[in-house]
PDB file of N, CA and C in Angstrom:
ATOM      1  N   MET A   1       0.877  -1.333  -0.013  1.00  0.00           N
ATOM      2  CA  MET A   1       0.150  -0.068   0.039  1.00  0.00           C
ATOM      3  C   MET A   1       0.914   1.235  -0.047  1.00  0.00           C
ATOM      4  N   GLN A   2       0.622   1.993  -0.969  1.00  0.00           N
ATOM      5  CA  GLN A   2       1.547   3.293  -1.173  1.00  0.00           C
ATOM      6  C   GLN A   2       0.619   4.771  -0.090  1.00  0.00           C
ATOM      7  N   MET A   3       1.132   5.204   0.546  1.00  0.00           N
ATOM      8  CA  MET A   3       0.739   6.127   1.254  1.00  0.00           C
ATOM      9  C   MET A   3       1.500   7.710   1.306  1.00  0.00           C
ATOM     10  N   THR A   4       0.468   8.670   1.129  1.00  0.00           N
ATOM     11  CA  THR A   4       1.136   9.962   1.098  1.00  0.00           C
ATOM     12  C   THR A   4       0.958  10.784   2.393  1.00  0.00           C
ATOM     13  N   ILE A   5       1.658  11.381   3.014  1.00  0.00           N
ATOM     14  CA  ILE A   5       1.439  11.994   4.232  1.00  0.00           C
ATOM     15  C   ILE A   5       1.360  13.431   3.958  1.00  0.00           C
ATOM     16  N   GLU A   6       0.227  14.030   4.421  1.00  0.00           N
ATOM     17  CA  GLU A   6       0.078  15.357   4.072  1.00  0.00           C
ATOM     18  C   GLU A   6       0.835  16.134   5.285  1.00  0.00           C
ATOM     19  N   THR A   7       1.735  17.054   5.102  1.00  0.00           N
ATOM     20  CA  THR A   7       2.671  17.724   6.279  1.00  0.00           C
ATOM     21  C   THR A   7       1.801  18.823   6.817  1.00  0.00           C
ATOM     22  N   SER A   8       0.855  19.296   6.060  1.00  0.00           N
ATOM     23  CA  SER A   8       0.120  20.250   6.519  1.00  0.00           C
ATOM     24  C   SER A   8      -0.803  19.770   7.808  1.00  0.00           C
ATOM     25  N   ARG A   9      -1.166  18.531   7.906  1.00  0.00           N
ATOM     26  CA  ARG A   9      -2.192  18.220   8.814  1.00  0.00           C
ATOM     27  C   ARG A   9      -1.325  17.833  10.111  1.00  0.00           C
ATOM     28  N   ALA A  10       0.173  18.131  10.034  1.00  0.00           N
ATOM     29  CA  ALA A  10       0.802  17.885  11.083  1.00  0.00           C
ATOM     30  C   ALA A  10       0.423  18.685  12.400  1.00  0.00           C
ATOM     31  N   ALA A  11       0.238  17.983  13.341  1.00  0.00           N
ATOM     32  CA  ALA A  11      -0.187  18.574  14.574  1.00  0.00           C
ATOM     33  C   ALA A  11       0.788  18.423  15.946  1.00  0.00           C
ATOM     34  N   GLY A  12       1.717  19.238  16.261  1.00  0.00           N
ATOM     35  CA  GLY A  12       2.631  18.894  17.310  1.00  0.00           C
ATOM     36  C   GLY A  12       3.442  17.821  17.123  1.00  0.00           C
ATOM     37  N   ASN A  13       3.752  17.817  15.772  1.00  0.00           N
ATOM     38  CA  ASN A  13       4.628  16.285  15.689  1.00  0.00           C
ATOM     39  C   ASN A  13       4.101  15.226  16.267  1.00  0.00           C
ATOM     40  N   ARG A  14       2.695  15.027  16.286  1.00  0.00           N
ATOM     41  CA  ARG A  14       2.178  13.503  16.603  1.00  0.00           C
ATOM     42  C   ARG A  14       1.612  13.107  15.647  1.00  0.00           C
ATOM     43  N   ARG A  15       1.837  12.158  15.216  1.00  0.00           N
ATOM     44  CA  ARG A  15       1.775  11.425  14.074  1.00  0.00           C
ATOM     45  C   ARG A  15       1.249   9.728  14.594  1.00  0.00           C
ATOM     46  N   VAL A  16      -0.048   9.427  14.319  1.00  0.00           N
ATOM     47  CA  VAL A  16      -0.791   8.303  14.733  1.00  0.00           C
ATOM     48  C   VAL A  16      -1.234   7.285  13.343  1.00  0.00           C
ATOM     49  N   PHE A  17      -0.735   6.166  13.596  1.00  0.00           N
ATOM     50  CA  PHE A  17      -1.121   5.353  12.807  1.00  0.00           C
ATOM     51  C   PHE A  17      -2.341   4.324  13.000  1.00  0.00           C
ATOM     52  N   ILE A  18      -3.260   3.998  12.509  1.00  0.00           N
ATOM     53  CA  ILE A  18      -4.725   3.196  13.021  1.00  0.00           C
ATOM     54  C   ILE A  18      -4.337   2.102  12.066  1.00  0.00           C
ATOM     55  N   VAL A  19      -4.083   0.987  12.685  1.00  0.00           N
ATOM     56  CA  VAL A  19      -3.843  -0.303  11.563  1.00  0.00           C
ATOM     57  C   VAL A  19      -5.004  -1.204  12.300  1.00  0.00           C
ATOM     58  N   HIS A  20      -5.827  -1.152  11.636  1.00  0.00           N
ATOM     59  CA  HIS A  20      -7.191  -2.046  11.833  1.00  0.00           C
ATOM     60  C   HIS A  20      -7.967  -2.543  10.423  1.00  0.00           C
ATOM     61  N   ARG A  21      -8.199  -3.876  10.549  1.00  0.00           N
ATOM     62  CA  ARG A  21      -8.932  -4.575   9.724  1.00  0.00           C
ATOM     63  C   ARG A  21     -10.548  -3.920   9.484  1.00  0.00           C
ATOM     64  N   ASP A  22     -11.169  -3.262  10.548  1.00  0.00           N
ATOM     65  CA  ASP A  22     -12.551  -3.255  10.213  1.00  0.00           C
ATOM     66  C   ASP A  22     -12.556  -1.290   9.545  1.00  0.00           C
ATOM     67  N   ASP A  23     -13.097  -1.328   8.691  1.00  0.00           N
ATOM     68  CA  ASP A  23     -13.253   0.182   7.950  1.00  0.00           C
ATOM     69  C   ASP A  23     -13.864   1.032   9.071  1.00  0.00           C
ATOM     70  N   ASN A  24     -15.006   0.746   9.589  1.00  0.00           N
ATOM     71  CA  ASN A  24     -15.762   1.658  10.780  1.00  0.00           C
ATOM     72  C   ASN A  24     -14.878   1.863  11.529  1.00  0.00           C
ATOM     73  N   MET A  25     -14.193   1.006  12.307  1.00  0.00           N
ATOM     74  CA  MET A  25     -13.257   1.393  13.811  1.00  0.00           C
ATOM     75  C   MET A  25     -12.277   2.456  13.114  1.00  0.00           C
ATOM     76  N   ARG A  26     -11.384   1.787  11.824  1.00  0.00           N
ATOM     77  CA  ARG A  26     -10.366   3.195  11.600  1.00  0.00           C
ATOM     78  C   ARG A  26     -10.969   4.108  11.504  1.00  0.00           C
ATOM     79  N   ALA A  27     -12.041   4.469  10.626  1.00  0.00           N
ATOM     80  CA  ALA A  27     -12.831   5.859  10.502  1.00  0.00           C
ATOM     81  C   ALA A  27     -13.021   6.577  11.829  1.00  0.00           C
ATOM     82  N   VAL A  28     -13.729   5.686  12.765  1.00  0.00           N
ATOM     83  CA  VAL A  28     -14.036   6.201  14.280  1.00  0.00           C
ATOM     84  C   VAL A  28     -13.015   6.706  14.684  1.00  0.00           C
ATOM     85  N   LEU A  29     -11.754   5.803  14.841  1.00  0.00           N
ATOM     86  CA  LEU A  29     -10.396   6.300  15.596  1.00  0.00           C
ATOM     87  C   LEU A  29      -9.930   7.650  15.157  1.00  0.00           C
ATOM     88  N   GLU A  30      -9.620   7.566  13.558  1.00  0.00           N
ATOM     89  CA  GLU A  30      -9.319   8.900  12.967  1.00  0.00           C
ATOM     90  C   GLU A  30     -10.289  10.115  13.096  1.00  0.00           C
ATOM     91  N   MET A  31     -11.391   9.738  13.106  1.00  0.00           N
ATOM     92  CA  MET A  31     -12.314  11.092  13.411  1.00  0.00           C
ATOM     93  C   MET A  31     -11.931  11.668  15.182  1.00  0.00           C
ATOM     94  N   ILE A  32     -11.581  10.580  15.791  1.00  0.00           N
ATOM     95  CA  ILE A  32     -11.662  11.027  17.593  1.00  0.00           C
ATOM     96  C   ILE A  32     -10.224  11.483  17.499  1.00  0.00           C
ATOM     97  N   LEU A  33      -9.347  11.138  16.748  1.00  0.00           N
ATOM     98  CA  LEU A  33      -7.824  11.791  16.478  1.00  0.00           C
ATOM     99  C   LEU A  33      -7.421  12.975  15.968  1.00  0.00           C
ATOM    100  N   HIS A  34      -8.337  13.293  14.684  1.00  0.00           N
ATOM    101  CA  HIS A  34      -8.342  14.283  13.649  1.00  0.00           C
ATOM    102  C   HIS A  34      -8.084  15.578  14.230  1.00  0.00           C
ATOM    103  N   ASP A  35      -8.365  15.982  15.309  1.00  0.00           N
ATOM    104  CA  ASP A  35      -8.100  17.242  16.119  1.00  0.00           C
ATOM    105  C   ASP A  35      -6.868  17.667  16.708  1.00  0.00           C
ATOM    106  N   GLY A  36      -6.253  16.735  17.269  1.00  0.00           N
ATOM    107  CA  GLY A  36      -5.280  16.809  18.075  1.00  0.00           C
ATOM    108  C   GLY A  36      -3.811  16.288  17.584  1.00  0.00           C
ATOM    109  N   CYS A  37      -3.931  15.345  16.266  1.00  0.00           N
ATOM    110  CA  CYS A  37      -2.850  14.460  15.729  1.00  0.00           C
ATOM    111  C   CYS A  37      -3.337  14.706  14.605  1.00  0.00           C
ATOM    112  N   GLU A  38      -1.935  14.092  13.639  1.00  0.00           N
ATOM    113  CA  GLU A  38      -2.125  13.613  12.692  1.00  0.00           C
ATOM    114  C   GLU A  38      -2.065  12.275  12.324  1.00  0.00           C
ATOM    115  N   ALA A  39      -3.594  11.838  12.041  1.00  0.00           N
ATOM    116  CA  ALA A  39      -3.730  10.349  12.141  1.00  0.00           C
ATOM    117  C   ALA A  39      -3.908   9.877  10.687  1.00  0.00           C
ATOM    118  N   HIS A  40      -3.575   8.700  10.583  1.00  0.00           N
ATOM    119  CA  HIS A  40      -3.720   8.048   9.486  1.00  0.00           C
ATOM    120  C   HIS A  40      -4.432   6.387   9.385  1.00  0.00           C
ATOM    121  N   GLU A  41      -4.818   6.128   8.405  1.00  0.00           N
ATOM    122  CA  GLU A  41      -5.924   4.794   8.677  1.00  0.00           C
ATOM    123  C   GLU A  41      -5.003   4.193   7.634  1.00  0.00           C
ATOM    124  N   ILE A  42      -4.714   2.751   7.945  1.00  0.00           N
ATOM    125  CA  ILE A  42      -3.966   1.792   7.259  1.00  0.00           C
ATOM    126  C   ILE A  42      -4.386   0.595   7.653  1.00  0.00           C
ATOM    127  N   THR A  43      -4.492  -0.255   6.688  1.00  0.00           N
ATOM    128  CA  THR A  43      -5.092  -1.559   6.807  1.00  0.00           C
ATOM    129  C   THR A  43      -4.157  -2.770   7.145  1.00  0.00           C
ATOM    130  N   CYS A  44      -2.537  -2.457   6.664  1.00  0.00           N
ATOM    131  CA  CYS A  44      -1.951  -3.565   7.507  1.00  0.00           C
ATOM    132  C   CYS A  44      -0.582  -2.863   7.944  1.00  0.00           C
ATOM    133  N   LEU A  45       0.106  -3.723   8.472  1.00  0.00           N
ATOM    134  CA  LEU A  45       1.598  -2.927   9.120  1.00  0.00           C
ATOM    135  C   LEU A  45       2.785  -2.283   7.919  1.00  0.00           C
ATOM    136  N   GLU A  46       2.713  -3.013   6.451  1.00  0.00           N
ATOM    137  CA  GLU A  46       3.424  -2.229   5.928  1.00  0.00           C
ATOM    138  C   GLU A  46       3.141  -0.979   5.229  1.00  0.00           C
ATOM    139  N   GLY A  47       1.713  -0.634   5.592  1.00  0.00           N
ATOM    140  CA  GLY A  47       1.365   0.876   5.404  1.00  0.00           C
ATOM    141  C   GLY A  47       2.414   1.855   6.181  1.00  0.00           C
ATOM    142  N   GLY A  48       3.067   2.866   5.575  1.00  0.00           N
ATOM    143  CA  GLY A  48       3.499   3.928   6.342  1.00  0.00           C
ATOM    144  C   GLY A  48       4.946   3.256   6.666  1.00  0.00           C
ATOM    145  N   ALA A  49       5.597   2.446   6.254  1.00  0.00           N
ATOM    146  CA  ALA A  49       6.657   1.687   6.757  1.00  0.00           C
ATOM    147  C   ALA A  49       7.903   2.378   6.987  1.00  0.00           C
ATOM    148  N   LYS A  50       7.984   3.443   6.237  1.00  0.00           N
ATOM    149  CA  LYS A  50       9.005   4.395   5.984  1.00  0.00           C
ATOM    150  C   LYS A  50       8.594   5.695   6.849  1.00  0.00           C
ATOM    151  N   GLN A  51       7.506   5.616   7.478  1.00  0.00           N
ATOM    152  CA  GLN A  51       7.264   7.019   7.896  1.00  0.00           C
ATOM    153  C   GLN A  51       7.680   7.121   9.585  1.00  0.00           C
ATOM    154  N   ARG A  52       7.914   8.130   9.990  1.00  0.00           N
ATOM    155  CA  ARG A  52       7.654   8.537  11.330  1.00  0.00           C
ATOM    156  C   ARG A  52       6.665   8.354  12.070  1.00  0.00           C
ATOM    157  N   VAL A  53       6.512   7.551  13.349  1.00  0.00           N
ATOM    158  CA  VAL A  53       5.176   7.765  14.047  1.00  0.00           C
ATOM    159  C   VAL A  53       5.152   7.792  15.394  1.00  0.00           C
ATOM    160  N   ASN A  54       4.796   8.269  15.959  1.00  0.00           N
ATOM    161  CA  ASN A  54       4.411   8.667  17.557  1.00  0.00           C
ATOM    162  C   ASN A  54       3.817   7.348  18.270  1.00  0.00           C
ATOM    163  N   LEU A  55       2.668   6.928  17.593  1.00  0.00           N
ATOM    164  CA  LEU A  55       1.828   5.967  18.287  1.00  0.00           C
ATOM    165  C   LEU A  55       1.018   5.216  17.227  1.00  0.00           C
ATOM    166  N   VAL A  56       0.936   3.871  17.607  1.00  0.00           N
ATOM    167  CA  VAL A  56       0.203   2.871  16.742  1.00  0.00           C
ATOM    168  C   VAL A  56      -0.693   2.258  17.342  1.00  0.00           C
ATOM    169  N   LEU A  57      -2.166   2.407  16.764  1.00  0.00           N
ATOM    170  CA  LEU A  57      -3.136   1.592  17.463  1.00  0.00           C
ATOM    171  C   LEU A  57      -3.324   0.472  16.399  1.00  0.00           C
ATOM    172  N   LEU A  58      -3.325  -0.895  17.230  1.00  0.00           N
ATOM    173  CA  LEU A  58      -2.914  -1.831  16.329  1.00  0.00           C
ATOM    174  C   LEU A  58      -3.999  -2.933  16.980  1.00  0.00           C
ATOM    175  N   ASP A  59      -4.996  -3.248  16.017  1.00  0.00           N
ATOM    176  CA  ASP A  59      -5.804  -4.305  15.776  1.00  0.00           C
ATOM    177  C   ASP A  59      -5.378  -5.532  16.547  1.00  0.00           C
ATOM    178  N   ALA A  60      -6.006  -5.976  17.180  1.00  0.00           N
ATOM    179  CA  ALA A  60      -5.833  -7.413  18.262  1.00  0.00           C
ATOM    180  C   ALA A  60      -6.016  -8.354  17.162  1.00  0.00           C
ATOM    181  N   THR A  61      -6.612  -8.464  16.125  1.00  0.00           N
ATOM    182  CA  THR A  61      -6.875  -9.384  14.980  1.00  0.00           C
ATOM    183  C   THR A  61      -5.700  -9.571  14.510  1.00  0.00           C
ATOM    184  N   ILE A  62      -4.810  -8.510  14.213  1.00  0.00           N
ATOM    185  CA  ILE A  62      -3.574  -8.581  13.573  1.00  0.00           C
ATOM    186  C   ILE A  62      -2.814  -9.203  14.366  1.00  0.00           C
ATOM    187  N   VAL A  63      -2.475  -9.000  15.946  1.00  0.00           N
ATOM    188  CA  VAL A  63      -1.705  -9.347  16.645  1.00  0.00           C
ATOM    189  C   VAL A  63      -1.825 -10.829  16.972  1.00  0.00           C
ATOM    190  N   ARG A  64      -3.330 -11.158  16.958  1.00  0.00           N
ATOM    191  CA  ARG A  64      -3.585 -12.811  17.019  1.00  0.00           C
ATOM    192  C   ARG A  64      -2.957 -13.505  16.070  1.00  0.00           C
ATOM    193  N   GLU A  65      -2.944 -13.030  14.726  1.00  0.00           N
ATOM    194  CA  GLU A  65      -2.348 -13.723  13.674  1.00  0.00           C
ATOM    195  C   GLU A  65      -0.945 -13.757  13.323  1.00  0.00           C
ATOM    196  N   GLU A  66      -0.274 -12.702  13.739  1.00  0.00           N
ATOM    197  CA  GLU A  66       1.188 -12.459  13.915  1.00  0.00           C
ATOM    198  C   GLU A  66       1.949 -12.949  14.923  1.00  0.00           C
ATOM    199  N   GLY A  67       1.008 -13.021  16.304  1.00  0.00           N
ATOM    200  CA  GLY A  67       1.738 -13.271  17.298  1.00  0.00           C
ATOM    201  C   GLY A  67       2.091 -11.982  18.440  1.00  0.00           C
ATOM    202  N   VAL A  68       2.244 -12.229  19.711  1.00  0.00           N
ATOM    203  CA  VAL A  68       2.573 -11.331  20.584  1.00  0.00           C
ATOM    204  C   VAL A  68       3.694 -10.668  20.427  1.00  0.00           C
ATOM    205  N   ALA A  69       4.826 -11.442  20.211  1.00  0.00           N
ATOM    206  CA  ALA A  69       6.275 -10.951  19.427  1.00  0.00           C
ATOM    207  C   ALA A  69       6.169  -9.822  18.735  1.00  0.00           C
ATOM    208  N   LEU A  70       5.020  -9.840  17.887  1.00  0.00           N
ATOM    209  CA  LEU A  70       4.938  -8.429  16.888  1.00  0.00           C
ATOM    210  C   LEU A  70       5.499  -7.135  17.478  1.00  0.00           C
ATOM    211  N   PHE A  71       4.820  -7.143  19.168  1.00  0.00           N
ATOM    212  CA  PHE A  71       5.303  -5.536  19.492  1.00  0.00           C
ATOM    213  C   PHE A  71       6.913  -5.380  19.928  1.00  0.00           C
ATOM    214  N   LYS A  72       7.470  -6.620  19.826  1.00  0.00           N
ATOM    215  CA  LYS A  72       9.029  -6.338  20.127  1.00  0.00           C
ATOM    216  C   LYS A  72       9.508  -5.962  18.461  1.00  0.00           C
ATOM    217  N   LYS A  73       9.040  -6.659  17.568  1.00  0.00           N
ATOM    218  CA  LYS A  73       9.365  -6.544  16.301  1.00  0.00           C
ATOM    219  C   LYS A  73       9.376  -5.095  15.865  1.00  0.00           C
ATOM    220  N   LEU A  74       7.964  -4.722  16.144  1.00  0.00           N
ATOM    221  CA  LEU A  74       7.674  -3.195  15.924  1.00  0.00           C
ATOM    222  C   LEU A  74       8.340  -2.071  16.478  1.00  0.00           C
ATOM    223  N   ALA A  75       8.657  -2.385  17.811  1.00  0.00           N
ATOM    224  CA  ALA A  75       9.575  -1.384  18.842  1.00  0.00           C
ATOM    225  C   ALA A  75      11.001  -1.494  18.102  1.00  0.00           C
ATOM    226  N   GLU A  76      11.489  -2.391  17.589  1.00  0.00           N
ATOM    227  CA  GLU A  76      12.679  -2.308  16.900  1.00  0.00           C
ATOM    228  C   GLU A  76      12.795  -1.547  15.739  1.00  0.00           C
ATOM    229  N   GLU A  77      11.860  -1.871  14.746  1.00  0.00           N
ATOM    230  CA  GLU A  77      11.696  -1.041  13.671  1.00  0.00           C
ATOM    231  C   GLU A  77      11.374   0.553  13.800  1.00  0.00           C
ATOM    232  N   ARG A  78      10.363   0.654  14.732  1.00  0.00           N
ATOM    233  CA  ARG A  78      10.043   2.277  15.282  1.00  0.00           C
ATOM    234  C   ARG A  78      10.354   2.447  16.548  1.00  0.00           C
ATOM    235  N   PRO A  79      11.620   2.800  16.919  1.00  0.00           N
ATOM    236  CA  PRO A  79      12.221   3.344  18.125  1.00  0.00           C
ATOM    237  C   PRO A  79      11.693   4.505  18.583  1.00  0.00           C
ATOM    238  N   GLY A  80      11.091   4.430  19.955  1.00  0.00           N
ATOM    239  CA  GLY A  80      10.526   5.695  20.110  1.00  0.00           C
ATOM    240  C   GLY A  80       8.869   5.931  20.183  1.00  0.00           C
ATOM    241  N   ALA A  81       8.421   4.761  19.228  1.00  0.00           N
ATOM    242  CA  ALA A  81       7.011   5.011  18.960  1.00  0.00           C
ATOM    243  C   ALA A  81       6.349   4.108  20.238  1.00  0.00           C
ATOM    244  N   ARG A  82       5.020   4.356  20.649  1.00  0.00           N
ATOM    245  CA  ARG A  82       4.248   3.666  21.711  1.00  0.00           C
ATOM    246  C   ARG A  82       2.903   2.915  20.644  1.00  0.00           C
ATOM    247  N   PHE A  83       2.668   1.797  21.400  1.00  0.00           N
ATOM    248  CA  PHE A  83       1.987   0.858  20.428  1.00  0.00           C
ATOM    249  C   PHE A  83       0.639   0.264  21.621  1.00  0.00           C
ATOM    250  N   LEU A  84      -0.546   0.889  21.153  1.00  0.00           N
ATOM    251  CA  LEU A  84      -1.753   0.329  21.976  1.00  0.00           C
ATOM    252  C   LEU A  84      -2.647  -0.673  21.113  1.00  0.00           C
ATOM    253  N   LEU A  85      -2.969  -1.679  21.851  1.00  0.00           N
ATOM    254  CA  LEU A  85      -3.582  -2.649  21.442  1.00  0.00           C
ATOM    255  C   LEU A  85      -5.177  -2.271  21.252  1.00  0.00           C
ATOM    256  N   VAL A  86      -5.935  -2.658  20.277  1.00  0.00           N
ATOM    257  CA  VAL A  86      -7.181  -2.009  20.117  1.00  0.00           C
ATOM    258  C   VAL A  86      -7.967  -3.536  20.252  1.00  0.00           C
ATOM    259  N   THR A  87      -8.668  -3.657  21.229  1.00  0.00           N
ATOM    260  CA  THR A  87      -9.421  -5.099  21.502  1.00  0.00           C
ATOM    261  C   THR A  87     -10.753  -4.949  22.157  1.00  0.00           C
ATOM    262  N   LYS A  88     -11.297  -5.815  22.225  1.00  0.00           N
ATOM    263  CA  LYS A  88     -12.621  -6.044  22.885  1.00  0.00           C
ATOM    264  C   LYS A  88     -12.295  -6.050  24.462  1.00  0.00           C
ATOM    265  N   ALA A  89     -13.288  -5.314  24.970  1.00  0.00           N
ATOM    266  CA  ALA A  89     -13.247  -5.327  26.571  1.00  0.00           C
ATOM    267  C   ALA A  89     -13.649  -6.853  27.053  1.00  0.00           C
ATOM    268  N   GLY A  90     -12.972  -7.121  28.134  1.00  0.00           N
ATOM    269  CA  GLY A  90     -13.206  -8.530  28.783  1.00  0.00           C
ATOM    270  C   GLY A  90     -12.255  -9.337  28.014  1.00  0.00           C
ATOM    271  N   ASP A  91     -11.076  -9.154  27.253  1.00  0.00           N
ATOM    272  CA  ASP A  91     -10.021 -10.185  26.734  1.00  0.00           C
ATOM    273  C   ASP A  91      -9.178 -10.011  27.561  1.00  0.00           C
ATOM    274  N   ASP A  92      -9.077 -10.475  28.862  1.00  0.00           N
ATOM    275  CA  ASP A  92      -8.104  -9.999  29.928  1.00  0.00           C
ATOM    276  C   ASP A  92      -6.661 -11.282  29.741  1.00  0.00           C
ATOM    277  N   ALA A  93      -6.801 -12.296  29.068  1.00  0.00           N
ATOM    278  CA  ALA A  93      -5.910 -13.126  29.145  1.00  0.00           C
ATOM    279  C   ALA A  93      -4.974 -12.652  27.949  1.00  0.00           C
ATOM    280  N   PHE A  94      -5.585 -12.532  26.992  1.00  0.00           N
ATOM    281  CA  PHE A  94      -4.598 -12.145  25.598  1.00  0.00           C
ATOM    282  C   PHE A  94      -4.234 -10.543  26.030  1.00  0.00           C
ATOM    283  N   THR A  95      -4.922  -9.761  26.425  1.00  0.00           N
ATOM    284  CA  THR A  95      -4.408  -8.395  26.886  1.00  0.00           C
ATOM    285  C   THR A  95      -3.284  -8.435  27.789  1.00  0.00           C
ATOM    286  N   GLN A  96      -3.298  -9.175  28.616  1.00  0.00           N
ATOM    287  CA  GLN A  96      -2.061  -9.162  29.698  1.00  0.00           C
ATOM    288  C   GLN A  96      -0.645  -9.793  28.860  1.00  0.00           C
ATOM    289  N   ALA A  97      -1.058 -10.798  28.131  1.00  0.00           N
ATOM    290  CA  ALA A  97      -0.094 -11.163  27.301  1.00  0.00           C
ATOM    291  C   ALA A  97       0.657 -10.179  26.296  1.00  0.00           C
ATOM    292  N   CYS A  98      -0.314  -9.523  25.784  1.00  0.00           N
ATOM    293  CA  CYS A  98       0.121  -8.382  24.786  1.00  0.00           C
ATOM    294  C   CYS A  98       1.135  -7.084  25.929  1.00  0.00           C
ATOM    295  N   LEU A  99       0.536  -6.889  26.915  1.00  0.00           N
ATOM    296  CA  LEU A  99       1.308  -6.049  27.586  1.00  0.00           C
ATOM    297  C   LEU A  99       2.650  -6.722  28.347  1.00  0.00           C
ATOM    298  N   ARG A 100       2.806  -8.017  28.383  1.00  0.00           N
ATOM    299  CA  ARG A 100       4.004  -8.399  28.775  1.00  0.00           C
ATOM    300  C   ARG A 100       4.970  -8.702  27.536  1.00  0.00           C
ATOM    301  N   ALA A 101       4.396  -8.633  26.472  1.00  0.00           N
ATOM    302  CA  ALA A 101       5.380  -8.750  25.291  1.00  0.00           C
ATOM    303  C   ALA A 101       5.614  -7.188  24.730  1.00  0.00           C
ATOM    304  N   GLY A 102       5.154  -6.248  25.150  1.00  0.00           N
ATOM    305  CA  GLY A 102       5.568  -4.497  24.851  1.00  0.00           C
ATOM    306  C   GLY A 102       4.426  -3.942  24.508  1.00  0.00           C
ATOM    307  N   ALA A 103       3.313  -4.170  24.407  1.00  0.00           N
ATOM    308  CA  ALA A 103       2.343  -3.227  24.281  1.00  0.00           C
ATOM    309  C   ALA A 103       2.242  -2.194  25.424  1.00  0.00           C
ATOM    310  N   ASP A 104       1.948  -0.863  25.166  1.00  0.00           N
ATOM    311  CA  ASP A 104       2.350   0.347  26.016  1.00  0.00           C
ATOM    312  C   ASP A 104       0.988   0.385  26.412  1.00  0.00           C
ATOM    313  N   GLY A 105      -0.087  -0.237  25.861  1.00  0.00           N
ATOM    314  CA  GLY A 105      -1.547  -0.121  26.704  1.00  0.00           C
ATOM    315  C   GLY A 105      -2.455  -0.429  25.859  1.00  0.00           C
ATOM    316  N   ILE A 106      -3.798  -0.334  26.455  1.00  0.00           N
ATOM    317  CA  ILE A 106      -4.891  -0.989  25.593  1.00  0.00           C
ATOM    318  C   ILE A 106      -5.848  -0.057  25.350  1.00  0.00           C
ATOM    319  N   LEU A 107      -6.527  -0.138  24.197  1.00  0.00           N
ATOM    320  CA  LEU A 107      -7.914   0.704  24.008  1.00  0.00           C
ATOM    321  C   LEU A 107      -8.973  -0.469  23.899  1.00  0.00           C
ATOM    322  N   ALA A 108      -9.668  -0.617  24.835  1.00  0.00           N
ATOM    323  CA  ALA A 108     -10.517  -1.477  24.793  1.00  0.00           C
ATOM    324  C   ALA A 108     -12.062  -0.991  24.134  1.00  0.00           C
ATOM    325  N   ALA A 109     -12.723  -1.695  23.206  1.00  0.00           N
ATOM    326  CA  ALA A 109     -13.806  -1.279  22.381  1.00  0.00           C
ATOM    327  C   ALA A 109     -14.829  -2.151  23.121  1.00  0.00           C
ATOM    328  N   PRO A 110     -16.273  -2.304  23.031  1.00  0.00           N
ATOM    329  CA  PRO A 110     -16.716  -0.677  22.533  1.00  0.00           C
ATOM    330  C   PRO A 110     -16.321   0.402  23.493  1.00  0.00           C
ATOM    331  N   PHE A 111     -16.259   1.718  23.126  1.00  0.00           N
ATOM    332  CA  PHE A 111     -15.843   2.926  23.984  1.00  0.00           C
ATOM    333  C   PHE A 111     -17.011   3.581  23.595  1.00  0.00           C
ATOM    334  N   GLN A 112     -16.979   4.739  24.684  1.00  0.00           N
ATOM    335  CA  GLN A 112     -18.021   5.727  24.398  1.00  0.00           C
ATOM    336  C   GLN A 112     -17.298   7.173  24.314  1.00  0.00           C
ATOM    337  N   LEU A 113     -17.734   7.740  22.816  1.00  0.00           N
ATOM    338  CA  LEU A 113     -17.157   8.858  22.803  1.00  0.00           C
ATOM    339  C   LEU A 113     -18.076   9.915  23.361  1.00  0.00           C
ATOM    340  N   GLU A 114     -17.703  11.125  24.123  1.00  0.00           N
ATOM    341  CA  GLU A 114     -18.534  12.087  24.800  1.00  0.00           C
ATOM    342  C   GLU A 114     -17.751  13.323  24.547  1.00  0.00           C
ATOM    343  N   VAL A 115     -18.775  14.304  23.902  1.00  0.00           N
ATOM    344  CA  VAL A 115     -18.432  15.527  23.366  1.00  0.00           C
ATOM    345  C   VAL A 115     -18.724  16.517  24.380  1.00  0.00           C
ATOM    346  N   ARG A 116     -18.013  17.378  24.542  1.00  0.00           N
ATOM    347  CA  ARG A 116     -18.293  18.549  25.487  1.00  0.00           C
ATOM    348  C   ARG A 116     -17.989  19.878  24.897  1.00  0.00           C
ATOM    349  N   ALA A 117     -19.020  20.715  25.435  1.00  0.00           N
ATOM    350  CA  ALA A 117     -18.896  22.388  24.771  1.00  0.00           C
ATOM    351  C   ALA A 117     -17.603  23.141  25.242  1.00  0.00           C
ATOM    352  N   HIS A 118     -17.185  23.593  24.689  1.00  0.00           N
ATOM    353  CA  HIS A 118     -15.872  24.483  25.319  1.00  0.00           C
ATOM    354  C   HIS A 118     -16.252  25.743  25.593  1.00  0.00           C
ATOM    355  N   GLY A 119     -15.712  26.223  26.667  1.00  0.00           N
ATOM    356  CA  GLY A 119     -15.994  27.453  27.546  1.00  0.00           C
ATOM    357  C   GLY A 119     -17.194  27.198  28.293  1.00  0.00           C
ATOM    358  N   GLY A 120     -17.872  26.287  28.520  1.00  0.00           N
ATOM    359  CA  GLY A 120     -18.993  26.090  29.398  1.00  0.00           C
ATOM    360  C   GLY A 120     -19.159  25.250  30.903  1.00  0.00           C
TER     361      GLY A 120
END
C-alpha cells in the first residue's frame, strides 16, 4: 500500500497510525484523533513503513495472527513509538500477554465518545 503524508496536517509532531482491519473502527478512531493528531488509517503493518510515527493503534486481530512477539519487532523497527492494542473489553488473558510482550497500553472497545462544549 502506498501512502502519502500531508505535512499540512501535522499537529505538534504527533503522528498516529491506525492499523485496523475494520473500516468503521479505523474511521471512528481517525475522527476522534483528527483534531489533536496527524492520524492515518492503514490496513496493514506495511502501510507507512518508512514514515516516522509516535503512536500505533493496532488491531488485536492482527496481533493474534502474527503473535504477541509482533510488539518487540515493531519496537525495534520504530524506536520511540508507542503501541496500543485495540481489543474487545473483557479479553483479559490475551491483553495481559500483549502487555507483557511490549504493548504500551490497551484501548478496549466498545468505547464511548463524549463530546463536551468548550467554554462552558
